[in-house]
Amino acid sequence: MNSPIISGTSQAWAALGGDPSSLDRVSYGGRCGGLPARLPVMELARATVAVCSLAAAELMSVRTGRPVPRVRVDDEAVATGFLSDRLVRVDGQGWSTFQPLSRFWRASDGWVRTHANYPHHRVRLLAALGLAGDADGEAVDAVARVVASLTALEVEETVCAAGGLAVAARSPEEWAKSEQGAMVAEQPLLTTARLDDAPGRKPDGAALPCAGLRVLDLTRVLAGPVATRTLALLGADVLRIDAPHLPESQEAHNDTGMGKRSATLDLREATDRGRFDVLLDTADVVVTGYRPGALEQLGLTPEALAERRPGLVIAQLSAWGRYGPWRGRRGFDSLVQVATGIAELEGSPDSPGALPAQALDHGTGYLLAAGVLRALTEQHHAGGTRLVRLALAQTAHWLVHDLVPAPGEREGFDAEHRLTETDSPMGRLRHALPPVSYEGGPLNWRRPPGLWGTDAPVWDGA
């Protein structure tokens, strides 16, 4: 066992408030080169899966009164899991994770990256640049011409002001000198808090760590859905709620919707809000992944949730953190890589680069699930409504500044070893098996994803 492996897991486990002696239950194997990068991406992946698996084993022990099961982290499973969004297939057909206008562009003084996978983001991007909604081929050429006439910061400011997504490429030093970057550097990897003195949970001999628990999933895209997909694996009844006017990609849902059900509710409308409140009344966990302020405008602050449903575990995810001048900005993994200097570190003198996977999303997702699991464990011991907060930018800082690569030769890997197939409403689904595991734990999800947004907004069996 190499010390960098131990270090990454120890750092994450300490951030989660875990007992250091529990780390003796974790072992590692199957080392591979599945996520090659200049930065220690494999160390991030291994550590986040390790602490999530250990948190699941710990909660299993608390609920059954038995010793903490052993955890073995398999590198091949971890690498495959971090590539799950790229490996999913329906009847042999894959999908492009990025649309034509989600890419790097050369500005007059550097590079800028945009994100326009969703139709409303595409519309905002084009409108901000004074362009019409042309076909993708024509739009790419038009955007390239406009961006080339502006500085990268001018593009960033113009597009962000219009509610779109664009970030100028910065070096790690430039990000560190910025107000937002300096504030990110002052934050821990994640934060946890106890909001009240709600009663603790009782051990109940559950068959899975999250058996019988109800999770409201208010997340989108990748990091949050990875977290709630993991909770579903561990036995939770996970119900994802989306706004009908913000549709999700079915292709993305084919990967992150494993084990869950998916419904739509417009929380701005009284009837749908009433249905949501009924769900909240018997929820055990609420996971949110919208930018800070979005759900708060609907009265869904942690304090309001705790008052309505004492004993909740509330987990909040954001791109840039809930502080600083960027706290209200929209963001995605690819944009956080660009802002924090990762794109420069992974690039060449000619162009920026990218990590070999959406590693900030996946890694933060497993940390988010681990935070929920640890909060549930702490509730069994001491009660309390619990709050867990993470940000992609804080995970990026951890990757760039705190993790170190493990030495030694890295062999390649065959993802086929960690893929499986199952029938689904969309067709024959090929997907990655879960990397989170512990001795005696589940090996796969109980159900495949369904069609996004088509389930009734009620708890399973209700």
Protein backbone atom coordinates (compact mmCIF):
# COMPACT_ATOMS: atom_id res chain seq x y z
CA MET A 1 0.00 0.00 0.00
CA ASN A 2 1.58 3.29 -1.10
CA SER A 3 1.49 6.31 1.19
CA PRO A 4 -0.19 8.61 -1.41
CA ILE A 5 -3.09 6.15 -1.53
CA ILE A 6 -3.40 6.24 2.24
CA SER A 7 -2.98 10.04 2.27
CA GLY A 8 -5.81 10.81 -0.14
CA THR A 9 -8.27 8.56 1.65
CA SER A 10 -7.14 9.86 5.05
CA GLN A 11 -7.64 13.47 3.99
CA ALA A 12 -11.15 12.80 2.72
CA TRP A 13 -12.09 10.67 5.74
CA ALA A 14 -10.83 13.37 8.12
CA ALA A 15 -12.90 16.00 6.27
CA LEU A 16 -15.94 13.76 6.77
CA GLY A 17 -15.24 13.54 10.51
CA GLY A 18 -14.61 9.80 10.41
CA ASP A 19 -12.73 7.80 13.03
CA PRO A 20 -9.14 7.38 11.75
CA SER A 21 -8.97 3.83 13.13
CA SER A 22 -11.71 2.80 10.67
CA LEU A 23 -9.26 3.26 7.80
CA ASP A 24 -7.71 -0.07 8.78
CA ARG A 25 -10.83 -1.70 7.30
CA VAL A 26 -9.87 -0.48 3.79
CA SER A 27 -7.57 -2.28 1.37
CA TYR A 28 -6.70 -1.57 -2.25
CA GLY A 29 -6.06 -3.65 -5.32
CA GLY A 30 -6.13 -3.95 -9.09
CA ARG A 31 -4.09 -0.82 -9.73
CA CYS A 32 -4.47 0.39 -13.31
CA GLY A 33 -3.88 3.37 -15.56
CA GLY A 34 -7.50 3.93 -16.45
CA LEU A 35 -7.47 7.68 -15.76
CA PRO A 36 -4.10 8.91 -17.10
CA ALA A 37 -3.41 12.56 -16.38
CA ARG A 38 -0.70 14.92 -15.19
CA LEU A 39 -2.70 15.60 -12.05
CA PRO A 40 -3.38 12.76 -9.55
CA VAL A 41 -6.86 11.97 -10.89
CA MET A 42 -6.67 8.29 -10.01
CA GLU A 43 -5.81 9.21 -6.44
CA LEU A 44 -8.87 11.45 -6.26
CA ALA A 45 -11.05 8.71 -7.72
CA ARG A 46 -9.69 6.01 -5.45
CA ALA A 47 -9.96 8.15 -2.31
CA THR A 48 -13.53 9.32 -2.91
CA VAL A 49 -14.79 5.81 -3.67
CA ALA A 50 -12.89 4.48 -0.65
CA VAL A 51 -14.45 6.90 1.84
CA CYS A 52 -17.90 6.43 0.34
CA SER A 53 -17.56 2.65 0.67
CA LEU A 54 -16.23 2.97 4.21
CA ALA A 55 -19.07 5.33 5.19
CA ALA A 56 -21.56 2.79 3.85
CA ALA A 57 -19.88 -0.02 5.80
CA GLU A 58 -19.86 2.12 8.95
CA LEU A 59 -23.59 2.90 8.67
CA MET A 60 -24.28 -0.77 8.02
CA SER A 61 -22.50 -1.57 11.29
CA VAL A 62 -24.48 1.05 13.21
CA ARG A 63 -27.82 -0.21 11.91
CA THR A 64 -27.07 -3.89 12.60
CA GLY A 65 -24.85 -3.73 15.67
CA ARG A 66 -22.25 -5.87 13.89
CA PRO A 67 -18.58 -5.06 13.19
CA VAL A 68 -17.79 -2.68 10.35
CA PRO A 69 -17.50 -4.75 7.16
CA ARG A 70 -14.20 -4.67 5.32
CA VAL A 71 -13.84 -2.52 2.22
CA ARG A 72 -11.70 -3.36 -0.79
CA VAL A 73 -11.22 -0.66 -3.41
CA ASP A 74 -10.61 -2.05 -6.88
CA ASP A 75 -8.91 0.36 -9.27
CA GLU A 76 -10.48 -1.18 -12.35
CA ALA A 77 -13.95 -0.71 -10.86
CA VAL A 78 -13.09 2.85 -9.82
CA ALA A 79 -11.79 3.88 -13.24
CA THR A 80 -14.78 2.33 -14.99
CA GLY A 81 -17.15 4.05 -12.57
CA PHE A 82 -15.59 7.45 -13.23
CA LEU A 83 -16.15 6.90 -16.95
CA SER A 84 -19.71 5.64 -16.53
CA ASP A 85 -21.32 8.57 -18.36
CA ARG A 86 -19.14 7.85 -21.41
CA LEU A 87 -19.55 4.09 -21.36
CA VAL A 88 -23.35 3.80 -21.11
CA ARG A 89 -25.06 2.33 -24.21
CA VAL A 90 -28.66 1.63 -25.21
CA ASP A 91 -28.99 -1.12 -27.82
CA GLY A 92 -25.33 -0.55 -28.60
CA GLN A 93 -25.71 3.19 -29.19
CA GLY A 94 -23.67 5.71 -27.24
CA TRP A 95 -24.11 9.47 -27.00
CA SER A 96 -21.99 12.59 -27.10
CA THR A 97 -21.55 14.07 -23.64
CA PHE A 98 -20.87 17.54 -25.12
CA GLN A 99 -22.89 19.41 -27.73
CA PRO A 100 -21.13 21.39 -30.52
CA LEU A 101 -21.25 24.72 -28.67
CA SER A 102 -19.77 23.22 -25.49
CA ARG A 103 -16.07 23.56 -26.23
CA PHE A 104 -12.93 25.69 -26.11
CA TRP A 105 -12.76 28.85 -28.24
CA ARG A 106 -9.77 31.03 -29.01
CA ALA A 107 -10.35 34.59 -27.84
CA SER A 108 -8.21 37.56 -28.82
CA ASP A 109 -5.92 37.06 -25.81
CA GLY A 110 -6.35 33.44 -24.77
CA TRP A 111 -8.97 30.73 -24.43
CA VAL A 112 -12.51 30.52 -23.16
CA ARG A 113 -14.76 27.51 -22.63
CA THR A 114 -18.52 27.51 -22.99
CA HIS A 115 -21.19 25.06 -21.89
CA ALA A 116 -24.36 24.80 -23.95
CA ASN A 117 -25.56 21.22 -23.61
CA TYR A 118 -29.04 22.33 -22.54
CA PRO A 119 -31.25 24.21 -25.04
CA HIS A 120 -31.81 27.19 -22.72
CA HIS A 121 -28.06 27.60 -22.19
CA ARG A 122 -27.49 27.46 -25.96
CA VAL A 123 -30.09 30.18 -26.51
CA ARG A 124 -28.52 32.41 -23.84
CA LEU A 125 -25.02 31.93 -25.21
CA LEU A 126 -26.02 32.89 -28.73
CA ALA A 127 -28.12 35.82 -27.56
CA ALA A 128 -25.29 37.17 -25.41
CA LEU A 129 -22.98 37.15 -28.42
CA GLY A 130 -25.62 38.80 -30.62
CA LEU A 131 -26.20 35.72 -32.74
CA ALA A 132 -29.32 33.99 -34.00
CA GLY A 133 -30.23 30.38 -33.21
CA ASP A 134 -28.61 28.96 -36.33
CA ALA A 135 -27.98 25.28 -37.00
CA ASP A 136 -25.03 23.95 -35.04
CA GLY A 137 -22.56 24.04 -37.94
CA GLU A 138 -23.34 27.67 -38.74
CA ALA A 139 -23.49 28.61 -35.06
CA VAL A 140 -20.03 27.18 -34.38
CA ASP A 141 -18.50 29.34 -37.09
CA ALA A 142 -20.42 32.41 -35.94
CA VAL A 143 -19.46 31.96 -32.28
CA ALA A 144 -15.83 31.43 -33.26
CA ARG A 145 -15.77 34.74 -35.13
CA VAL A 146 -17.34 36.72 -32.30
CA VAL A 147 -15.21 35.18 -29.56
CA ALA A 148 -12.03 35.80 -31.58
CA SER A 149 -12.84 39.52 -31.58
CA LEU A 150 -13.16 39.72 -27.79
CA THR A 151 -10.91 39.04 -24.84
CA ALA A 152 -11.60 35.88 -22.86
CA LEU A 153 -12.80 37.91 -19.87
CA GLU A 154 -15.11 39.96 -22.07
CA VAL A 155 -16.72 36.75 -23.32
CA GLU A 156 -17.01 35.41 -19.77
CA GLU A 157 -18.61 38.55 -18.41
CA THR A 158 -20.96 39.04 -21.35
CA VAL A 159 -22.25 35.49 -21.42
CA CYS A 160 -22.56 35.15 -17.64
CA ALA A 161 -24.50 38.42 -17.45
CA ALA A 162 -27.02 36.89 -19.87
CA GLY A 163 -27.42 33.75 -17.75
CA GLY A 164 -25.22 31.65 -20.01
CA LEU A 165 -22.07 29.70 -19.25
CA ALA A 166 -18.59 30.77 -20.30
CA VAL A 167 -15.34 30.85 -18.36
CA ALA A 168 -11.99 32.33 -19.36
CA ALA A 169 -9.09 29.93 -19.03
CA ARG A 170 -6.85 30.84 -16.12
CA SER A 171 -3.59 29.51 -14.79
CA PRO A 172 -3.57 28.09 -11.25
CA GLU A 173 -1.73 31.25 -10.18
CA GLU A 174 -4.31 33.54 -11.76
CA TRP A 175 -7.14 31.62 -10.10
CA ALA A 176 -5.37 31.77 -6.73
CA LYS A 177 -5.04 35.57 -7.01
CA SER A 178 -8.72 36.05 -7.87
CA GLU A 179 -11.19 36.84 -5.10
CA GLN A 180 -13.15 33.63 -5.65
CA GLY A 181 -10.03 31.48 -5.93
CA ALA A 182 -8.61 32.91 -2.72
CA MET A 183 -11.84 32.18 -0.88
CA VAL A 184 -11.98 28.61 -2.23
CA ALA A 185 -8.43 28.05 -0.96
CA GLU A 186 -9.53 29.00 2.55
CA GLN A 187 -12.32 26.39 2.61
CA PRO A 188 -12.04 22.76 3.74
CA LEU A 189 -12.78 19.98 1.26
CA LEU A 190 -16.35 19.88 2.62
CA THR A 191 -18.29 21.18 5.58
CA THR A 192 -20.74 19.54 7.94
CA ALA A 193 -23.01 21.10 10.55
CA ARG A 194 -25.68 20.13 13.06
CA LEU A 195 -28.73 22.39 12.86
CA ASP A 196 -30.83 21.29 15.84
CA ASP A 197 -31.34 18.63 18.51
CA ALA A 198 -33.74 16.32 16.71
CA PRO A 199 -33.81 12.80 18.19
CA GLY A 200 -31.31 10.20 17.04
CA ARG A 201 -32.15 7.16 14.95
CA LYS A 202 -32.41 3.66 16.40
CA PRO A 203 -30.45 0.61 15.19
CA ASP A 204 -32.90 -1.62 13.33
CA GLY A 205 -31.03 -4.52 11.73
CA ALA A 206 -31.54 -3.21 8.18
CA ALA A 207 -30.34 -5.36 5.29
CA LEU A 208 -28.67 -2.38 3.58
CA PRO A 209 -27.21 0.85 4.99
CA CYS A 210 -29.98 3.03 3.53
CA ALA A 211 -32.84 0.53 3.58
CA GLY A 212 -36.14 2.21 4.45
CA LEU A 213 -34.77 5.73 3.95
CA ARG A 214 -36.45 8.18 1.61
CA VAL A 215 -34.28 10.56 -0.43
CA LEU A 216 -35.57 13.60 -2.31
CA ASP A 217 -33.15 14.14 -5.18
CA LEU A 218 -33.15 17.77 -6.36
CA THR A 219 -30.02 17.52 -8.47
CA ARG A 220 -29.14 17.64 -12.15
CA VAL A 221 -26.47 16.59 -14.62
CA LEU A 222 -23.74 14.47 -12.96
CA ALA A 223 -22.26 15.13 -9.51
CA GLY A 224 -25.52 15.21 -7.54
CA PRO A 225 -27.11 12.35 -9.49
CA VAL A 226 -23.97 10.23 -8.90
CA ALA A 227 -24.43 10.78 -5.16
CA THR A 228 -28.11 9.86 -5.14
CA ARG A 229 -27.50 6.93 -7.50
CA THR A 230 -25.11 5.64 -4.83
CA LEU A 231 -27.70 6.06 -2.08
CA ALA A 232 -30.15 4.10 -4.24
CA LEU A 233 -27.57 1.32 -4.58
CA LEU A 234 -27.38 1.18 -0.78
CA GLY A 235 -31.12 0.66 -0.39
CA ALA A 236 -32.66 4.13 -0.30
CA ASP A 237 -35.94 4.97 -2.03
CA VAL A 238 -34.64 7.81 -4.21
CA LEU A 239 -37.17 10.03 -5.96
CA ARG A 240 -35.70 12.60 -8.30
CA ILE A 241 -37.77 15.75 -8.74
CA ASP A 242 -37.19 18.08 -11.70
CA ALA A 243 -39.00 21.15 -12.96
CA PRO A 244 -40.96 20.34 -16.12
CA HIS A 245 -39.53 23.43 -17.85
CA LEU A 246 -35.94 22.21 -17.26
CA PRO A 247 -35.87 18.81 -18.98
CA GLU A 248 -32.94 16.46 -18.44
CA SER A 249 -31.16 14.55 -21.16
CA GLN A 250 -32.50 10.99 -21.28
CA GLU A 251 -29.03 9.85 -22.31
CA ALA A 252 -27.54 11.32 -19.14
CA HIS A 253 -30.36 9.83 -17.09
CA ASN A 254 -29.59 6.39 -18.55
CA ASP A 255 -26.36 6.54 -16.55
CA THR A 256 -27.25 8.47 -13.40
CA GLY A 257 -30.84 7.29 -13.00
CA MET A 258 -29.88 3.78 -11.91
CA GLY A 259 -31.95 2.59 -8.97
CA LYS A 260 -34.13 5.72 -8.85
CA ARG A 261 -37.51 6.97 -9.94
CA SER A 262 -37.99 10.34 -11.65
CA ALA A 263 -40.91 12.78 -11.52
CA THR A 264 -41.56 16.40 -12.40
CA LEU A 265 -43.08 19.10 -10.20
CA ASP A 266 -43.22 22.84 -10.70
CA LEU A 267 -42.53 24.16 -7.21
CA ARG A 268 -43.66 27.63 -8.27
CA GLU A 269 -47.21 26.29 -8.73
CA ALA A 270 -49.38 25.75 -5.65
CA THR A 271 -50.67 22.26 -6.41
CA ASP A 272 -47.25 20.86 -7.27
CA ARG A 273 -45.72 22.59 -4.28
CA GLY A 274 -48.30 20.90 -2.09
CA ARG A 275 -47.33 17.52 -3.53
CA PHE A 276 -43.69 18.27 -2.84
CA ASP A 277 -44.43 19.25 0.76
CA VAL A 278 -46.24 15.92 1.28
CA LEU A 279 -43.11 14.13 0.06
CA LEU A 280 -40.94 16.26 2.33
CA ASP A 281 -43.03 15.38 5.37
CA THR A 282 -41.73 11.79 5.31
CA ALA A 283 -38.33 12.32 3.67
CA ASP A 284 -35.14 11.36 5.49
CA VAL A 285 -32.63 13.01 3.16
CA VAL A 286 -32.80 15.98 0.77
CA VAL A 287 -29.98 16.41 -1.73
CA THR A 288 -29.80 19.64 -3.77
CA GLY A 289 -27.54 20.53 -6.68
CA TYR A 290 -28.86 23.85 -7.96
CA ARG A 291 -26.80 27.02 -7.82
CA PRO A 292 -27.04 28.89 -4.51
CA GLY A 293 -30.15 31.02 -4.32
CA ALA A 294 -32.26 29.06 -6.79
CA LEU A 295 -34.05 26.82 -4.28
CA GLU A 296 -33.77 29.36 -1.50
CA GLN A 297 -36.12 31.60 -3.52
CA LEU A 298 -38.69 28.83 -3.12
CA GLY A 299 -38.30 28.80 0.66
CA LEU A 300 -36.12 25.69 0.68
CA THR A 301 -33.30 26.94 2.89
CA PRO A 302 -31.67 24.41 5.24
CA GLU A 303 -33.27 26.19 8.18
CA ALA A 304 -36.74 26.04 6.63
CA LEU A 305 -36.30 22.36 5.76
CA ALA A 306 -35.12 21.60 9.28
CA GLU A 307 -38.11 23.41 10.80
CA ARG A 308 -40.58 21.52 8.65
CA ARG A 309 -38.88 18.14 8.96
CA PRO A 310 -36.59 17.90 12.03
CA GLY A 311 -34.06 15.11 11.70
CA LEU A 312 -33.43 15.54 7.99
CA VAL A 313 -30.03 15.13 6.42
CA ILE A 314 -29.61 18.01 3.97
CA ALA A 315 -26.80 17.80 1.42
CA GLN A 316 -26.03 20.78 -0.79
CA LEU A 317 -23.80 20.83 -3.85
CA SER A 318 -22.66 23.86 -5.86
CA ALA A 319 -20.10 24.58 -8.54
CA TRP A 320 -18.19 27.52 -7.06
CA GLY A 321 -19.17 27.47 -3.38
CA ARG A 322 -21.83 29.34 -1.43
CA TYR A 323 -19.59 32.36 -0.85
CA GLY A 324 -17.69 34.97 -2.81
CA PRO A 325 -18.51 36.87 -6.00
CA TRP A 326 -19.10 33.65 -7.98
CA ARG A 327 -21.51 32.07 -5.51
CA GLY A 328 -24.53 32.70 -7.76
CA ARG A 329 -22.87 31.66 -11.00
CA ARG A 330 -23.88 28.60 -12.92
CA GLY A 331 -21.12 26.06 -13.39
CA PHE A 332 -20.19 22.60 -14.57
CA ASP A 333 -17.18 20.33 -14.16
CA SER A 334 -15.65 21.40 -17.49
CA LEU A 335 -15.89 25.09 -16.57
CA VAL A 336 -14.44 24.58 -13.10
CA GLN A 337 -11.47 22.83 -14.71
CA VAL A 338 -10.91 25.89 -16.91
CA ALA A 339 -11.24 28.50 -14.16
CA THR A 340 -9.03 26.76 -11.60
CA GLY A 341 -6.07 26.13 -13.92
CA ILE A 342 -6.64 22.42 -14.43
CA ALA A 343 -7.15 22.93 -18.18
CA GLU A 344 -3.79 24.66 -18.42
CA LEU A 345 -2.02 21.98 -16.38
CA GLU A 346 -3.53 19.23 -18.54
CA GLY A 347 -3.00 21.09 -21.82
CA SER A 348 -0.12 21.98 -24.12
CA PRO A 349 1.49 25.25 -25.20
CA ASP A 350 -0.94 25.26 -28.12
CA SER A 351 -4.25 24.62 -26.36
CA PRO A 352 -5.88 23.85 -23.00
CA GLY A 353 -6.61 20.26 -22.02
CA ALA A 354 -9.08 18.37 -19.87
CA LEU A 355 -9.13 15.59 -17.32
CA PRO A 356 -9.67 12.06 -18.69
CA ALA A 357 -13.10 11.94 -17.04
CA GLN A 358 -15.55 14.34 -15.44
CA ALA A 359 -13.54 13.63 -12.32
CA LEU A 360 -14.65 16.67 -10.34
CA ASP A 361 -18.27 15.64 -10.86
CA HIS A 362 -17.77 11.98 -10.05
CA GLY A 363 -15.39 12.58 -7.15
CA THR A 364 -17.63 15.24 -5.59
CA GLY A 365 -20.61 12.94 -6.11
CA TYR A 366 -19.04 10.14 -4.10
CA LEU A 367 -17.94 12.62 -1.42
CA LEU A 368 -21.49 13.95 -1.27
CA ALA A 369 -22.88 10.44 -0.80
CA ALA A 370 -20.23 9.77 1.85
CA GLY A 371 -21.23 12.96 3.64
CA VAL A 372 -24.86 11.84 3.75
CA LEU A 373 -23.88 8.39 5.01
CA ARG A 374 -21.66 9.83 7.73
CA ALA A 375 -24.42 12.26 8.75
CA LEU A 376 -26.82 9.32 9.09
CA THR A 377 -24.28 7.52 11.25
CA GLU A 378 -23.86 10.59 13.47
CA GLN A 379 -27.63 10.84 13.77
CA HIS A 380 -27.76 7.33 15.17
CA HIS A 381 -25.26 8.36 17.84
CA ALA A 382 -26.36 11.90 18.67
CA GLY A 383 -29.41 12.93 16.65
CA GLY A 384 -29.74 16.33 15.03
CA THR A 385 -30.74 17.66 11.66
CA ARG A 386 -27.53 17.55 9.64
CA LEU A 387 -26.17 19.73 6.83
CA VAL A 388 -23.40 18.71 4.40
CA ARG A 389 -21.99 21.11 1.81
CA LEU A 390 -19.58 20.55 -1.07
CA ALA A 391 -18.45 22.46 -4.16
CA LEU A 392 -16.75 21.36 -7.35
CA ALA A 393 -14.23 24.19 -6.95
CA GLN A 394 -13.21 22.88 -3.51
CA THR A 395 -12.69 19.39 -4.96
CA ALA A 396 -10.61 20.98 -7.73
CA HIS A 397 -8.44 22.73 -5.14
CA TRP A 398 -7.91 19.41 -3.37
CA LEU A 399 -6.86 17.77 -6.63
CA VAL A 400 -4.42 20.51 -7.63
CA HIS A 401 -2.86 21.31 -4.26
CA ASP A 402 -3.24 18.45 -1.78
CA LEU A 403 -3.24 15.10 -3.58
CA VAL A 404 -0.05 13.49 -4.87
CA PRO A 405 0.27 10.68 -7.41
CA ALA A 406 1.05 7.19 -6.19
CA PRO A 407 4.36 5.90 -7.60
CA GLY A 408 4.76 2.71 -9.59
CA GLU A 409 3.88 1.27 -12.94
CA ARG A 410 0.32 1.64 -14.16
CA GLU A 411 -1.16 -1.01 -16.37
CA GLY A 412 -4.06 -0.33 -18.70
CA PHE A 413 -7.47 -1.79 -18.00
CA ASP A 414 -10.39 -3.29 -19.84
CA ALA A 415 -13.63 -1.58 -18.87
CA GLU A 416 -15.60 -4.56 -20.18
CA HIS A 417 -14.71 -6.39 -16.97
CA ARG A 418 -16.79 -3.89 -15.01
CA LEU A 419 -19.75 -3.44 -17.37
CA THR A 420 -23.02 -5.32 -17.42
CA GLU A 421 -26.25 -5.32 -19.40
CA THR A 422 -29.88 -5.24 -18.39
CA ASP A 423 -33.25 -4.62 -20.00
CA SER A 424 -34.72 -1.16 -19.54
CA PRO A 425 -37.67 0.84 -20.88
CA MET A 426 -35.27 2.41 -23.39
CA GLY A 427 -33.85 -0.89 -24.66
CA ARG A 428 -30.92 -3.10 -23.77
CA LEU A 429 -28.84 -1.01 -21.39
CA ARG A 430 -25.11 -1.47 -20.95
CA HIS A 431 -23.72 0.32 -17.91
CA ALA A 432 -20.88 0.38 -15.43
CA LEU A 433 -21.20 -1.62 -12.25
CA PRO A 434 -20.96 0.45 -9.06
CA PRO A 435 -17.43 0.98 -7.69
CA VAL A 436 -18.73 1.56 -4.16
CA SER A 437 -18.74 -1.73 -2.28
CA TYR A 438 -18.06 -3.39 1.04
CA GLU A 439 -17.96 -6.99 2.21
CA GLY A 440 -21.46 -8.43 1.83
CA GLY A 441 -22.78 -5.29 0.16
CA PRO A 442 -24.90 -4.94 -3.02
CA LEU A 443 -23.21 -5.59 -6.36
CA ASN A 444 -25.72 -3.82 -8.62
CA TRP A 445 -28.79 -1.59 -8.53
CA ARG A 446 -32.21 -3.08 -7.96
CA ARG A 447 -33.72 -1.43 -11.02
CA PRO A 448 -32.59 0.22 -14.26
CA PRO A 449 -33.43 3.86 -14.95
CA GLY A 450 -36.80 4.60 -16.49
CA LEU A 451 -37.93 7.33 -18.80
CA TRP A 452 -36.99 10.65 -17.26
CA GLY A 453 -39.82 12.47 -15.49
CA THR A 454 -42.51 9.82 -16.02
CA ASP A 455 -42.92 8.42 -12.51
CA ALA A 456 -45.63 9.56 -10.12
CA PRO A 457 -44.39 12.00 -7.43
CA VAL A 458 -45.04 9.55 -4.59
CA TRP A 459 -42.79 7.37 -2.50
CA ASP A 460 -42.20 3.81 -3.61
CA GLY A 461 -45.12 1.61 -2.55
CA ALA A 462 -47.23 4.58 -1.47
